């Protein structure tokens, strides 16, 4: 076939209807794959307010009678914390829960006291030395990454912490490699709007589900300490 210099070829005329359909489907599939990859790398985050992480006087967490009000031994029973367990205290603050968990897992277990506040880590390190507590490792985490060692955690507690997490899906995704099979995640908090140092339990459940965790149980005996709920989750 000869062409005149100004004659253009319509590429569509050289393709059958079936070929065009196959090309269209292939393009759509590529778009879906790319969209899925983008979501995995940058999952959509909840659009809700959060309160500023506490950075004041850490001694306020050491109020007399808190063990009884919060029933911390019962909390650890529910989380399955025992001799030899690997435990994470996420947002450890003064180390109030850290030292109690350390006593429970001794002598062969390990507690990871994580916080994003360098002053909290310094406070806990000094406390461990002063009270001669072993089996605890302090970790300076990041707002979106607790930086826990892989395959190290049987139980994790977020005590009055979850409402401060701005990007929970990212943090929880970074947390997953540290969890051992069957690991339990405990969240103790109060109801609120996110900006008032609290977050409604139904929002926590929804976000945990989106992050790939299943809801296991709910308790309210923590109300005596001003905390509305104690929620338990595990990886699906």
Protein backbone atom coordinates (compact mmCIF):
# COMPACT_ATOMS: atom_id res chain seq x y z
CA UNK A 1 0.00 0.00 0.00
CA UNK A 2 1.43 3.36 -1.04
CA UNK A 3 0.70 6.55 0.91
CA UNK A 4 0.62 10.11 -0.10
CA UNK A 5 3.01 12.35 1.87
CA UNK A 6 0.20 14.00 3.83
CA UNK A 7 -1.82 10.82 4.44
CA UNK A 8 -2.08 9.67 8.11
CA UNK A 9 -2.63 6.17 9.37
CA UNK A 10 -5.43 5.65 11.88
CA UNK A 11 -3.96 2.96 14.15
CA UNK A 12 -7.45 1.99 15.32
CA UNK A 13 -8.26 0.81 11.80
CA UNK A 14 -5.41 -1.72 12.05
CA UNK A 15 -6.78 -3.35 15.24
CA UNK A 16 -9.75 -5.66 15.52
CA UNK A 17 -12.49 -4.88 18.08
CA UNK A 18 -11.33 -7.89 20.11
CA UNK A 19 -7.76 -6.59 20.26
CA UNK A 20 -8.92 -3.18 21.41
CA UNK A 21 -10.96 -4.78 24.21
CA UNK A 22 -7.99 -6.86 25.37
CA UNK A 23 -5.71 -3.82 25.42
CA UNK A 24 -8.29 -1.84 27.40
CA UNK A 25 -8.64 -4.63 29.98
CA UNK A 26 -4.85 -4.89 30.31
CA UNK A 27 -4.57 -1.14 30.95
CA UNK A 28 -7.31 -1.32 33.59
CA UNK A 29 -5.60 -4.25 35.33
CA UNK A 30 -2.30 -2.36 35.41
CA UNK A 31 -4.05 0.62 36.96
CA UNK A 32 -5.56 -1.59 39.68
CA UNK A 33 -2.19 -3.18 40.48
CA UNK A 34 -0.52 0.22 40.74
CA UNK A 35 -3.35 1.51 42.94
CA UNK A 36 -3.01 -1.51 45.24
CA UNK A 37 0.75 -1.01 45.51
CA UNK A 38 0.24 2.66 46.34
CA UNK A 39 -2.27 1.76 49.09
CA UNK A 40 0.14 -0.77 50.58
CA UNK A 41 2.92 1.80 50.67
CA UNK A 42 0.71 4.67 51.84
CA UNK A 43 -2.50 3.31 53.40
CA UNK A 44 -5.24 5.91 53.94
CA UNK A 45 -5.18 7.30 57.45
CA UNK A 46 -8.10 8.10 59.77
CA UNK A 47 -9.16 11.71 59.56
CA UNK A 48 -9.59 12.48 63.25
CA UNK A 49 -7.95 14.75 65.81
CA UNK A 50 -5.38 13.46 68.29
CA UNK A 51 -4.12 14.84 71.56
CA UNK A 52 -0.50 15.85 72.04
CA UNK A 53 1.61 13.09 73.63
CA UNK A 54 2.21 13.82 77.32
CA UNK A 55 5.65 15.21 78.11
CA UNK A 56 5.16 16.67 81.60
CA UNK A 57 5.92 15.40 85.10
CA UNK A 58 6.09 11.61 84.82
CA UNK A 59 5.50 11.06 88.52
CA UNK A 60 1.77 11.71 88.04
CA UNK A 61 1.43 8.11 86.81
CA UNK A 62 2.57 6.75 90.16
CA UNK A 63 -0.58 7.59 92.13
CA UNK A 64 -1.17 5.41 95.22
CA UNK A 65 -3.81 2.72 94.77
CA UNK A 66 -3.58 2.62 91.00
CA UNK A 67 -2.73 -1.08 91.00
CA UNK A 68 -6.04 -1.85 92.67
CA UNK A 69 -8.14 0.63 90.68
CA UNK A 70 -6.82 -0.58 87.34
CA UNK A 71 -6.60 -4.22 88.48
CA UNK A 72 -3.27 -4.51 86.72
CA UNK A 73 -2.72 -8.14 87.74
CA UNK A 74 -6.04 -9.04 86.12
CA UNK A 75 -5.00 -7.08 83.03
CA UNK A 76 -1.83 -9.15 82.76
CA UNK A 77 -3.77 -12.37 83.29
CA UNK A 78 -6.07 -11.51 80.37
CA UNK A 79 -3.09 -10.65 78.16
CA UNK A 80 -1.52 -14.00 79.02
CA UNK A 81 1.61 -12.42 80.53
CA UNK A 82 3.60 -15.04 82.44
CA UNK A 83 7.12 -16.21 83.22
CA UNK A 84 9.20 -16.06 80.04
CA UNK A 85 6.83 -13.81 78.05
CA UNK A 86 7.98 -11.05 75.73
CA UNK A 87 6.01 -7.91 76.60
CA UNK A 88 5.87 -4.41 75.11
CA UNK A 89 4.81 -1.34 77.08
CA UNK A 90 4.00 1.02 74.21
CA UNK A 91 4.15 4.62 75.38
CA UNK A 92 5.70 3.55 78.67
CA UNK A 93 5.87 7.02 80.25
CA UNK A 94 7.27 6.58 83.77
CA UNK A 95 7.53 2.81 83.39
CA UNK A 96 4.60 2.18 85.75
CA UNK A 97 3.42 -0.85 83.79
CA UNK A 98 6.95 -1.81 82.71
CA UNK A 99 8.15 -2.66 86.22
CA UNK A 100 5.00 -4.65 87.01
CA UNK A 101 5.30 -6.64 83.79
CA UNK A 102 9.00 -7.22 84.49
CA UNK A 103 8.14 -8.81 87.84
CA UNK A 104 5.60 -11.07 86.12
CA UNK A 105 7.89 -12.33 83.31
CA UNK A 106 11.06 -12.77 85.42
CA UNK A 107 13.50 -14.37 85.33
CA UNK A 108 13.50 -15.46 81.68
CA UNK A 109 11.12 -12.99 80.04
CA UNK A 110 11.74 -9.57 78.53
CA UNK A 111 9.86 -6.27 78.68
CA UNK A 112 10.39 -3.60 76.04
CA UNK A 113 9.63 -0.14 77.41
CA UNK A 114 8.97 2.04 74.36
CA UNK A 115 8.31 5.76 74.24
CA UNK A 116 8.84 8.58 71.74
CA UNK A 117 9.87 10.99 74.51
CA UNK A 118 13.64 10.85 75.21
CA UNK A 119 13.01 12.15 78.73
CA UNK A 120 10.71 9.20 79.43
CA UNK A 121 13.39 6.76 78.28
CA UNK A 122 15.96 8.48 80.48
CA UNK A 123 13.52 8.38 83.43
CA UNK A 124 12.88 4.65 83.00
CA UNK A 125 16.59 3.83 82.63
CA UNK A 126 17.29 5.62 85.91
CA UNK A 127 14.37 3.88 87.58
CA UNK A 128 15.56 0.44 86.46
CA UNK A 129 19.02 1.12 87.84
CA UNK A 130 17.71 2.54 91.12
CA UNK A 131 15.22 -0.29 91.71
CA UNK A 132 17.64 -2.93 90.36
CA UNK A 133 15.15 -4.28 87.84
CA UNK A 134 16.46 -6.59 85.12
CA UNK A 135 14.95 -8.01 81.96
CA UNK A 136 13.87 -4.62 80.58
CA UNK A 137 15.06 -2.94 77.39
CA UNK A 138 14.17 0.69 76.73
CA UNK A 139 13.45 1.76 73.15
CA UNK A 140 13.20 5.29 71.81
CA UNK A 141 10.54 4.83 69.17
CA UNK A 142 9.16 7.13 66.49
CA UNK A 143 5.56 8.41 66.27
CA UNK A 144 4.81 5.94 63.44
CA UNK A 145 7.21 3.12 64.36
CA UNK A 146 7.74 1.57 67.81
CA UNK A 147 11.00 -0.02 66.54
CA UNK A 148 10.43 -3.27 68.44
CA UNK A 149 12.67 -6.25 67.60
CA UNK A 150 11.22 -8.81 65.16
CA UNK A 151 9.42 -11.83 66.63
CA UNK A 152 9.80 -10.59 70.22
CA UNK A 153 6.30 -9.87 71.56
CA UNK A 154 3.69 -12.15 73.12
CA UNK A 155 1.67 -9.32 74.65
CA UNK A 156 1.54 -5.57 74.18
CA UNK A 157 -0.28 -2.93 76.21
CA UNK A 158 -1.17 0.62 75.20
CA UNK A 159 -2.23 2.25 78.47
CA UNK A 160 -3.77 5.68 77.84
CA UNK A 161 -1.76 5.93 74.60
CA UNK A 162 -3.88 5.02 71.57
CA UNK A 163 -5.67 8.39 71.43
CA UNK A 164 -2.29 10.07 70.85
CA UNK A 165 -1.41 8.05 67.74
CA UNK A 166 -1.87 10.25 64.68
CA UNK A 167 -1.24 7.54 62.05
CA UNK A 168 -2.42 4.28 63.64
CA UNK A 169 -2.47 2.23 60.44
CA UNK A 170 1.19 2.99 59.74
CA UNK A 171 2.25 2.35 63.33
CA UNK A 172 0.33 -0.93 63.53
CA UNK A 173 1.79 -2.07 60.22
CA UNK A 174 5.29 -1.38 61.54
CA UNK A 175 4.38 -3.24 64.73
CA UNK A 176 3.34 -6.50 63.04
CA UNK A 177 6.84 -7.98 62.45
CA UNK A 178 7.47 -7.86 66.22
CA UNK A 179 4.42 -9.97 67.07
CA UNK A 180 4.77 -13.66 67.75
CA UNK A 181 1.97 -16.06 66.70
CA UNK A 182 -1.08 -15.52 68.90
CA UNK A 183 0.23 -12.28 70.41
CA UNK A 184 -2.39 -10.17 72.18
CA UNK A 185 -2.73 -6.39 71.90
CA UNK A 186 -4.39 -4.65 74.84
CA UNK A 187 -5.71 -1.08 74.64
CA UNK A 188 -6.86 0.69 77.78
CA UNK A 189 -8.30 4.17 77.24
CA UNK A 190 -11.22 6.47 77.87
CA UNK A 191 -13.96 7.65 75.53
CA UNK A 192 -13.41 11.00 73.86
CA UNK A 193 -13.10 12.82 70.57
CA UNK A 194 -9.38 12.25 70.04
CA UNK A 195 -8.28 15.75 71.00
CA UNK A 196 -9.34 15.48 74.67
CA UNK A 197 -7.05 12.61 75.71
CA UNK A 198 -9.65 10.00 74.84
CA UNK A 199 -11.13 8.15 71.87
CA UNK A 200 -14.40 6.26 71.55
CA UNK A 201 -14.03 2.49 71.65
CA UNK A 202 -15.92 1.97 68.40
CA UNK A 203 -13.35 4.10 66.55
CA UNK A 204 -10.51 2.06 68.02
CA UNK A 205 -12.21 -1.17 66.92
CA UNK A 206 -12.75 0.15 63.39
CA UNK A 207 -9.16 1.31 62.98
CA UNK A 208 -7.74 -1.91 64.37
CA UNK A 209 -9.89 -3.89 61.91
CA UNK A 210 -8.65 -1.74 59.02
CA UNK A 211 -5.09 -2.46 60.16
CA UNK A 212 -5.67 -6.22 59.97
CA UNK A 213 -6.45 -7.07 63.60
CA UNK A 214 -9.46 -8.98 64.91
CA UNK A 215 -11.41 -7.91 67.98
CA UNK A 216 -11.23 -10.55 70.72
CA UNK A 217 -12.79 -9.17 73.91
CA UNK A 218 -13.84 -6.05 75.81
CA UNK A 219 -13.79 -5.28 79.56
CA UNK A 220 -14.84 -2.27 81.60
CA UNK A 221 -13.41 -3.03 85.06
CA UNK A 222 -10.81 -0.31 84.37
CA UNK A 223 -13.47 2.37 84.94
CA UNK A 224 -12.42 2.57 88.57
CA UNK A 225 -9.22 4.22 87.31
CA UNK A 226 -11.07 6.55 84.93
CA UNK A 227 -10.55 4.35 81.86
CA UNK A 228 -13.73 3.35 80.03
CA UNK A 229 -12.54 0.23 78.27
CA UNK A 230 -9.94 -2.50 77.97
CA UNK A 231 -9.96 -3.98 74.47
CA UNK A 232 -8.12 -7.10 73.26
CA UNK A 233 -7.03 -7.69 69.64
CA UNK A 234 -5.00 -10.24 67.71
CA UNK A 235 -3.70 -10.40 64.15
CA UNK A 236 -6.19 -11.97 61.75
